[in-house]
Amino acid sequence: MRRNSKILAMFLVLIMLGGMFLSACGQKPAPPADTAPAAAPSEEPDSKAAVAETEGTEAIDTSQEVKLVMYLLGERTPDFDDTVTVFNETEDPAFLTAVEKLQDWKNRGFWSKSAVVNTQNNKESFAAGKSAAALMNINNAKSEYTNNTLAHPEWDIRVVDAQGDVPAIVQSYLANGMCIFSKSKNPERALMALDLLRNDEELHDLFSYGIEGEHYIDLGNGKIELTENNSNYPYDTNGNWGIRNDKYWKSVEGGIPNYDKLYDKWIKTAQAGEFAAFTFNNESVKNQVAAMNDIYNTNIKLLYLGFTDDPQKDIKATQEKLKAAGADEVYSEMTRQAKEWKDSLQE
């Protein structure tokens, strides 16, 4: 990649209340519109939701462990319908459509042939100018937008909704939870420390933004300006998600221009999934779950990256492997627990 040129940069951001998509227009022309990620259409008419076919571009992110993914569907009626249906994502017809699109993108060189063994995460790859897109949540996107804009003022970085008109999903309250180790010798002291970091404004700001006057300048009205020394303590990158307090939170002056528009949309359209508070206990089928996760880390990971010559055939082969690994037992146990959980809501 030429260092003296702008790159087409895109952040795909899936978050608790919606999605965002960051794009930057570069000197190289974008591919035709039909190559834009179907899951991340831009709401802005002038933003190009497409990946630059740049030589040397690495995969967005394949280093993170692929977790066991299943769909858990239920239906509630005034008479309380206890219907629960559990099935694997590969059984959804939309999965085949998605894999076919990914195969097309892979064949067109949208990511490296070595993507499957890439160990650099999406934020690092994007910041290094090696990838054209990054997938993350909204809070990470705010800090990444700010930090990359400061580091590369020549990049025209934009943020758009990655989910289009699909309603955002409100996650469980545990989504941003911080836990205390069960064997902690002083759990009450650990909780007191977390309480201070979250509810003492001075400590909260120090932990989240660094030292006032050195790493940032407080402009008032919930806005801050980052200093030249901010790179020594980058904004919102201290793993502070678990203690973030909206009452004290400050955004960077000159941050994501359309953030309020996006956030207002998510707030108005967000939906709560019926099973958001359900937690599956896999103790009785942990061996089957482990075997299924191995398949996700191999076969399905390849499908996610479009490494297939025959999507339909490879998806069927993967389903057979999942079944042999004990998937039906896992689905049955999850169905049983989900029904019990729904029944408990009547009590």
Protein backbone atom coordinates (compact mmCIF):
# COMPACT_ATOMS: atom_id res chain seq x y z
CA MET A 1 0.00 0.00 0.00
CA ARG A 2 1.35 3.39 -0.93
CA ARG A 3 1.91 5.46 2.19
CA ASN A 4 1.40 8.76 0.41
CA SER A 5 -2.12 7.92 -0.68
CA LYS A 6 -5.38 7.89 1.17
CA ILE A 7 -6.98 4.54 1.69
CA LEU A 8 -10.59 3.57 1.54
CA ALA A 9 -11.24 2.97 5.20
CA MET A 10 -14.37 1.47 6.59
CA PHE A 11 -15.40 0.61 10.12
CA LEU A 12 -18.16 -1.91 10.39
CA VAL A 13 -19.52 -1.44 13.84
CA LEU A 14 -22.09 -3.71 15.46
CA ILE A 15 -23.11 -2.42 18.84
CA MET A 16 -25.55 -2.83 21.65
CA LEU A 17 -27.94 -0.34 20.08
CA GLY A 18 -27.03 -0.46 16.44
CA GLY A 19 -24.24 -0.58 13.92
CA MET A 20 -21.80 1.81 12.37
CA PHE A 21 -19.77 1.78 9.23
CA LEU A 22 -16.67 3.95 8.80
CA SER A 23 -15.48 4.76 5.30
CA ALA A 24 -12.75 6.90 3.83
CA CYS A 25 -12.49 7.80 0.18
CA GLY A 26 -9.11 7.15 -1.38
CA GLN A 27 -7.41 7.80 -4.68
CA LYS A 28 -8.19 4.37 -6.06
CA PRO A 29 -11.72 3.94 -7.44
CA ALA A 30 -14.12 1.85 -5.40
CA PRO A 31 -15.55 -1.37 -6.84
CA PRO A 32 -19.04 -1.33 -8.37
CA ALA A 33 -21.95 -0.71 -6.04
CA ASP A 34 -22.99 -4.34 -6.08
CA THR A 35 -19.82 -5.24 -4.20
CA ALA A 36 -20.80 -3.19 -1.16
CA PRO A 37 -21.32 -5.28 1.96
CA ALA A 38 -24.97 -6.27 1.97
CA ALA A 39 -25.05 -6.22 5.75
CA ALA A 40 -23.71 -2.69 5.97
CA PRO A 41 -25.37 -0.28 3.53
CA SER A 42 -24.53 3.37 4.05
CA GLU A 43 -27.28 5.79 5.02
CA GLU A 44 -25.28 8.70 3.66
CA PRO A 45 -25.69 9.15 -0.11
CA ASP A 46 -22.10 10.26 -0.59
CA SER A 47 -20.43 7.49 1.41
CA LYS A 48 -19.11 4.51 -0.53
CA ALA A 49 -19.73 1.28 1.31
CA ALA A 50 -17.14 -0.69 -0.61
CA VAL A 51 -13.72 -2.20 0.02
CA ALA A 52 -10.75 -0.90 -1.91
CA GLU A 53 -8.95 -3.58 -3.88
CA THR A 54 -5.58 -2.54 -2.52
CA GLU A 55 -2.52 -4.71 -2.98
CA GLY A 56 -1.21 -6.09 0.27
CA THR A 57 -4.46 -5.50 2.13
CA GLU A 58 -4.77 -7.94 5.02
CA ALA A 59 -7.94 -9.54 6.29
CA ILE A 60 -10.11 -7.45 8.56
CA ASP A 61 -9.92 -9.73 11.57
CA THR A 62 -9.67 -13.47 11.83
CA SER A 63 -7.74 -13.74 15.05
CA GLN A 64 -10.64 -13.74 17.44
CA GLU A 65 -11.97 -17.08 18.59
CA VAL A 66 -15.12 -18.11 16.79
CA LYS A 67 -17.76 -18.90 19.38
CA LEU A 68 -20.56 -21.41 19.22
CA VAL A 69 -23.42 -19.69 17.45
CA MET A 70 -26.98 -20.94 17.41
CA TYR A 71 -30.30 -19.23 16.88
CA LEU A 72 -32.78 -19.38 19.74
CA LEU A 73 -36.27 -18.33 18.70
CA GLY A 74 -39.43 -18.09 20.74
CA GLU A 75 -42.87 -16.66 20.45
CA ARG A 76 -45.04 -15.12 23.15
CA THR A 77 -48.79 -14.70 22.83
CA PRO A 78 -51.35 -13.31 25.28
CA ASP A 79 -51.96 -16.92 26.34
CA PHE A 80 -48.22 -17.49 26.72
CA ASP A 81 -46.91 -19.74 23.98
CA ASP A 82 -44.01 -21.82 25.26
CA THR A 83 -42.73 -22.54 21.74
CA VAL A 84 -38.96 -22.64 21.57
CA THR A 85 -37.01 -23.46 18.42
CA VAL A 86 -33.23 -23.95 18.41
CA PHE A 87 -31.26 -24.38 15.22
CA ASN A 88 -27.80 -23.72 13.87
CA GLU A 89 -27.08 -20.64 11.80
CA THR A 90 -25.88 -22.78 8.88
CA GLU A 91 -29.45 -24.08 8.54
CA ASP A 92 -30.76 -20.61 7.75
CA PRO A 93 -31.14 -20.11 3.95
CA ALA A 94 -29.62 -16.65 4.43
CA PHE A 95 -26.36 -18.30 5.48
CA LEU A 96 -25.88 -19.80 2.01
CA THR A 97 -26.55 -16.41 0.42
CA ALA A 98 -24.00 -14.78 2.72
CA VAL A 99 -21.33 -17.42 2.05
CA GLU A 100 -21.84 -17.06 -1.71
CA LYS A 101 -21.28 -13.30 -1.38
CA LEU A 102 -18.19 -13.87 0.77
CA GLN A 103 -16.85 -16.34 -1.79
CA ASP A 104 -17.28 -13.68 -4.47
CA TRP A 105 -15.45 -11.07 -2.39
CA LYS A 106 -12.63 -13.51 -1.61
CA ASN A 107 -12.23 -14.40 -5.28
CA ARG A 108 -12.06 -10.70 -6.15
CA GLY A 109 -9.22 -10.14 -3.72
CA PHE A 110 -11.03 -8.19 -1.03
CA TRP A 111 -8.85 -9.87 1.58
CA SER A 112 -5.58 -11.73 1.67
CA LYS A 113 -5.26 -15.43 0.87
CA SER A 114 -3.58 -15.75 4.25
CA ALA A 115 -6.60 -14.28 6.03
CA VAL A 116 -7.38 -17.51 7.83
CA VAL A 117 -4.06 -17.42 9.72
CA ASN A 118 -3.98 -13.67 10.28
CA THR A 119 -3.14 -12.81 13.89
CA GLN A 120 -3.56 -9.03 13.76
CA ASN A 121 -6.89 -7.80 15.08
CA ASN A 122 -9.09 -5.50 13.05
CA LYS A 123 -8.30 -2.29 14.91
CA GLU A 124 -4.54 -2.83 14.63
CA SER A 125 -4.80 -3.74 10.96
CA PHE A 126 -6.93 -0.70 10.19
CA ALA A 127 -4.68 1.70 12.10
CA ALA A 128 -1.66 0.30 10.26
CA GLY A 129 -3.33 0.96 6.92
CA LYS A 130 -3.45 -2.74 6.05
CA SER A 131 -7.21 -3.25 6.01
CA ALA A 132 -10.09 -1.26 4.63
CA ALA A 133 -12.61 -2.07 7.31
CA ALA A 134 -12.90 -2.80 11.00
CA LEU A 135 -15.74 -4.33 12.99
CA MET A 136 -16.33 -3.11 16.54
CA ASN A 137 -18.87 -1.64 18.92
CA ILE A 138 -19.91 1.99 19.06
CA ASN A 139 -17.73 2.97 22.00
CA ASN A 140 -14.63 1.50 20.37
CA ALA A 141 -15.57 3.23 17.13
CA LYS A 142 -15.64 6.62 18.84
CA SER A 143 -12.12 6.22 20.16
CA GLU A 144 -10.78 4.59 16.97
CA TYR A 145 -12.28 7.33 14.82
CA THR A 146 -10.68 10.00 16.97
CA ASN A 147 -7.28 8.34 17.33
CA ASN A 148 -6.98 7.42 13.63
CA THR A 149 -8.12 10.85 12.51
CA LEU A 150 -5.40 12.43 14.64
CA ALA A 151 -2.76 9.97 13.43
CA HIS A 152 -3.80 10.17 9.77
CA PRO A 153 -5.43 13.53 8.98
CA GLU A 154 -5.16 12.69 5.27
CA TRP A 155 -7.67 9.84 5.69
CA ASP A 156 -11.29 10.77 5.01
CA ILE A 157 -12.86 8.55 7.65
CA ARG A 158 -16.62 8.19 7.83
CA VAL A 159 -19.05 6.30 10.03
CA VAL A 160 -22.32 4.84 8.80
CA ASP A 161 -24.83 2.30 10.03
CA ALA A 162 -23.71 -1.24 9.27
CA GLN A 163 -27.16 -2.70 9.79
CA GLY A 164 -29.19 -0.50 7.49
CA ASP A 165 -32.85 -0.61 8.44
CA VAL A 166 -32.49 -3.68 10.67
CA PRO A 167 -33.55 -2.69 14.21
CA ALA A 168 -30.78 -2.60 16.78
CA ILE A 169 -30.88 -5.22 19.53
CA VAL A 170 -30.69 -4.20 23.16
CA GLN A 171 -28.36 -6.55 25.00
CA SER A 172 -28.59 -7.87 28.54
CA TYR A 173 -27.43 -5.65 31.39
CA LEU A 174 -24.55 -8.10 31.73
CA ALA A 175 -23.16 -6.98 28.35
CA ASN A 176 -20.84 -4.41 29.93
CA GLY A 177 -20.51 -6.18 33.24
CA MET A 178 -17.28 -6.47 35.20
CA CYS A 179 -16.85 -9.62 37.24
CA ILE A 180 -14.84 -10.33 40.36
CA PHE A 181 -12.84 -13.55 40.48
CA SER A 182 -14.69 -16.17 42.52
CA LYS A 183 -11.52 -16.97 44.47
CA SER A 184 -10.68 -13.36 45.24
CA LYS A 185 -9.43 -13.00 48.82
CA ASN A 186 -11.05 -9.59 49.16
CA PRO A 187 -14.03 -9.43 46.77
CA GLU A 188 -15.61 -6.60 48.75
CA ARG A 189 -12.49 -4.45 48.24
CA ALA A 190 -12.46 -5.24 44.53
CA LEU A 191 -16.10 -4.17 44.30
CA MET A 192 -15.27 -0.95 46.16
CA ALA A 193 -12.50 -0.23 43.64
CA LEU A 194 -14.88 -0.75 40.71
CA ASP A 195 -17.46 1.41 42.45
CA LEU A 196 -14.95 4.24 42.85
CA LEU A 197 -13.81 4.05 39.23
CA ARG A 198 -17.39 4.22 38.03
CA ASN A 199 -18.93 6.71 40.45
CA ASP A 200 -16.10 9.05 41.42
CA GLU A 201 -15.93 11.54 38.54
CA GLU A 202 -12.26 12.41 39.02
CA LEU A 203 -11.13 8.79 39.04
CA HIS A 204 -13.52 7.89 36.21
CA ASP A 205 -12.08 10.62 33.99
CA LEU A 206 -8.48 9.80 34.92
CA PHE A 207 -9.01 6.14 34.06
CA SER A 208 -10.88 6.88 30.83
CA TYR A 209 -9.01 9.84 29.32
CA GLY A 210 -5.72 10.19 31.17
CA ILE A 211 -4.37 13.26 32.97
CA GLU A 212 -6.26 16.47 32.37
CA GLY A 213 -3.99 19.10 30.84
CA GLU A 214 -1.50 16.51 29.67
CA HIS A 215 -3.56 14.04 27.66
CA TYR A 216 -6.73 16.06 27.21
CA ILE A 217 -8.30 19.46 27.84
CA ASP A 218 -11.78 19.68 29.36
CA LEU A 219 -13.84 22.09 27.23
CA GLY A 220 -16.96 21.81 29.36
CA ASN A 221 -20.45 20.71 28.29
CA GLY A 222 -19.32 17.10 28.03
CA LYS A 223 -16.61 17.81 25.44
CA ILE A 224 -12.84 17.38 25.58
CA GLU A 225 -9.97 18.16 23.24
CA LEU A 226 -7.09 15.73 22.88
CA THR A 227 -3.52 17.03 23.21
CA GLU A 228 -0.41 16.05 21.28
CA ASN A 229 0.51 13.75 24.17
CA ASN A 230 -2.73 11.80 23.87
CA SER A 231 -0.90 8.99 22.06
CA ASN A 232 0.74 8.19 25.42
CA TYR A 233 -2.71 7.48 26.85
CA PRO A 234 -5.17 7.19 23.93
CA TYR A 235 -8.75 8.22 24.52
CA ASP A 236 -11.08 5.46 25.71
CA THR A 237 -8.63 2.60 25.12
CA ASN A 238 -7.88 1.58 28.71
CA GLY A 239 -10.40 -1.25 28.84
CA ASN A 240 -12.65 1.15 30.71
CA TRP A 241 -15.89 -0.13 29.18
CA GLY A 242 -16.77 -1.87 32.42
CA ILE A 243 -16.72 1.33 34.49
CA ARG A 244 -18.06 3.78 31.89
CA ASN A 245 -20.64 6.10 33.44
CA ASP A 246 -22.93 8.00 31.06
CA LYS A 247 -23.37 10.72 33.65
CA TYR A 248 -19.67 11.61 33.41
CA TRP A 249 -18.87 10.52 29.88
CA LYS A 250 -17.17 13.10 27.66
CA SER A 251 -16.92 12.97 23.89
CA VAL A 252 -14.09 14.39 21.81
CA GLU A 253 -14.65 17.72 20.12
CA GLY A 254 -14.60 17.02 16.41
CA GLY A 255 -15.51 13.36 16.89
CA ILE A 256 -17.87 11.31 14.72
CA PRO A 257 -19.89 14.02 12.91
CA ASN A 258 -23.08 12.00 12.49
CA TYR A 259 -23.00 10.21 15.84
CA ASP A 260 -26.11 11.91 17.26
CA LYS A 261 -28.12 11.09 14.14
CA LEU A 262 -27.12 7.43 14.31
CA TYR A 263 -27.68 7.14 18.04
CA ASP A 264 -31.12 8.78 17.87
CA LYS A 265 -32.14 6.27 15.21
CA TRP A 266 -30.98 3.30 17.30
CA ILE A 267 -32.78 4.56 20.41
CA LYS A 268 -36.04 4.91 18.47
CA THR A 269 -35.88 1.53 16.74
CA ALA A 270 -34.07 -0.71 19.24
CA GLN A 271 -35.73 -3.98 20.17
CA ALA A 272 -35.13 -6.32 23.07
CA GLY A 273 -34.66 -9.96 22.14
CA GLU A 274 -36.94 -12.29 24.08
CA PHE A 275 -34.01 -14.45 25.16
CA ALA A 276 -31.58 -11.62 25.95
CA ALA A 277 -31.59 -12.56 29.64
CA PHE A 278 -31.39 -16.32 29.06
CA THR A 279 -28.07 -17.98 29.85
CA PHE A 280 -27.35 -21.48 28.57
CA ASN A 281 -25.63 -23.83 31.03
CA ASN A 282 -23.64 -26.24 28.86
CA GLU A 283 -22.26 -28.36 31.71
CA SER A 284 -24.16 -31.50 30.66
CA VAL A 285 -23.10 -31.16 27.01
CA LYS A 286 -19.74 -29.40 27.40
CA ASN A 287 -17.89 -32.03 25.37
CA GLN A 288 -20.31 -31.64 22.47
CA VAL A 289 -20.05 -27.86 22.68
CA ALA A 290 -16.26 -28.08 22.63
CA ALA A 291 -16.38 -30.32 19.55
CA MET A 292 -18.77 -27.89 17.84
CA ASN A 293 -16.49 -24.97 18.65
CA ASP A 294 -13.63 -26.82 16.97
CA ILE A 295 -15.76 -27.02 13.83
CA TYR A 296 -16.48 -23.30 14.06
CA ASN A 297 -12.78 -22.58 14.35
CA THR A 298 -12.05 -24.60 11.22
CA ASN A 299 -14.81 -25.35 8.74
CA ILE A 300 -17.13 -22.47 9.50
CA LYS A 301 -14.28 -20.01 9.85
CA LEU A 302 -13.31 -20.86 6.26
CA LEU A 303 -16.89 -20.32 5.14
CA TYR A 304 -16.98 -16.94 6.92
CA LEU A 305 -13.99 -15.92 4.80
CA GLY A 306 -15.38 -17.29 1.56
CA PHE A 307 -12.77 -20.05 1.23
CA THR A 308 -15.02 -22.52 -0.58
CA ASP A 309 -15.37 -23.77 -4.14
CA ASP A 310 -18.89 -25.06 -3.57
CA PRO A 311 -20.75 -23.22 -0.78
CA GLN A 312 -23.80 -25.47 -0.78
CA LYS A 313 -21.73 -28.66 -0.65
CA ASP A 314 -19.38 -27.36 2.04
CA ILE A 315 -22.24 -26.06 4.20
CA LYS A 316 -23.91 -29.47 4.03
CA ALA A 317 -20.62 -31.18 4.96
CA THR A 318 -20.24 -28.80 7.90
CA GLN A 319 -23.78 -29.55 9.09
CA GLU A 320 -22.99 -33.27 8.99
CA LYS A 321 -19.87 -32.68 11.08
CA LEU A 322 -21.86 -30.66 13.61
CA LYS A 323 -24.41 -33.44 13.86
CA ALA A 324 -21.65 -36.02 14.38
CA ALA A 325 -20.18 -33.76 17.09
CA GLY A 326 -23.44 -33.97 19.05
CA ALA A 327 -25.25 -30.86 17.88
CA ASP A 328 -28.69 -32.43 18.29
CA GLU A 329 -27.94 -33.12 21.94
CA VAL A 330 -26.91 -29.52 22.46
CA TYR A 331 -30.03 -28.21 20.71
CA SER A 332 -32.23 -30.50 22.81
CA GLU A 333 -30.62 -29.37 26.06
CA MET A 334 -30.83 -25.72 25.08
CA THR A 335 -34.48 -26.14 24.14
CA ARG A 336 -35.23 -27.75 27.50
CA GLN A 337 -33.50 -24.98 29.46
CA ALA A 338 -35.09 -22.23 27.39
CA LYS A 339 -38.57 -23.65 27.96
CA GLU A 340 -37.93 -23.88 31.69
CA TRP A 341 -36.69 -20.30 31.68
CA LYS A 342 -39.81 -19.10 29.86
CA ASP A 343 -42.04 -21.03 32.24
CA SER A 344 -40.28 -19.38 35.19
CA LEU A 345 -41.36 -15.98 33.93
CA GLN A 346 -44.98 -16.91 34.70
CA GLU A 347 -44.24 -17.56 38.34
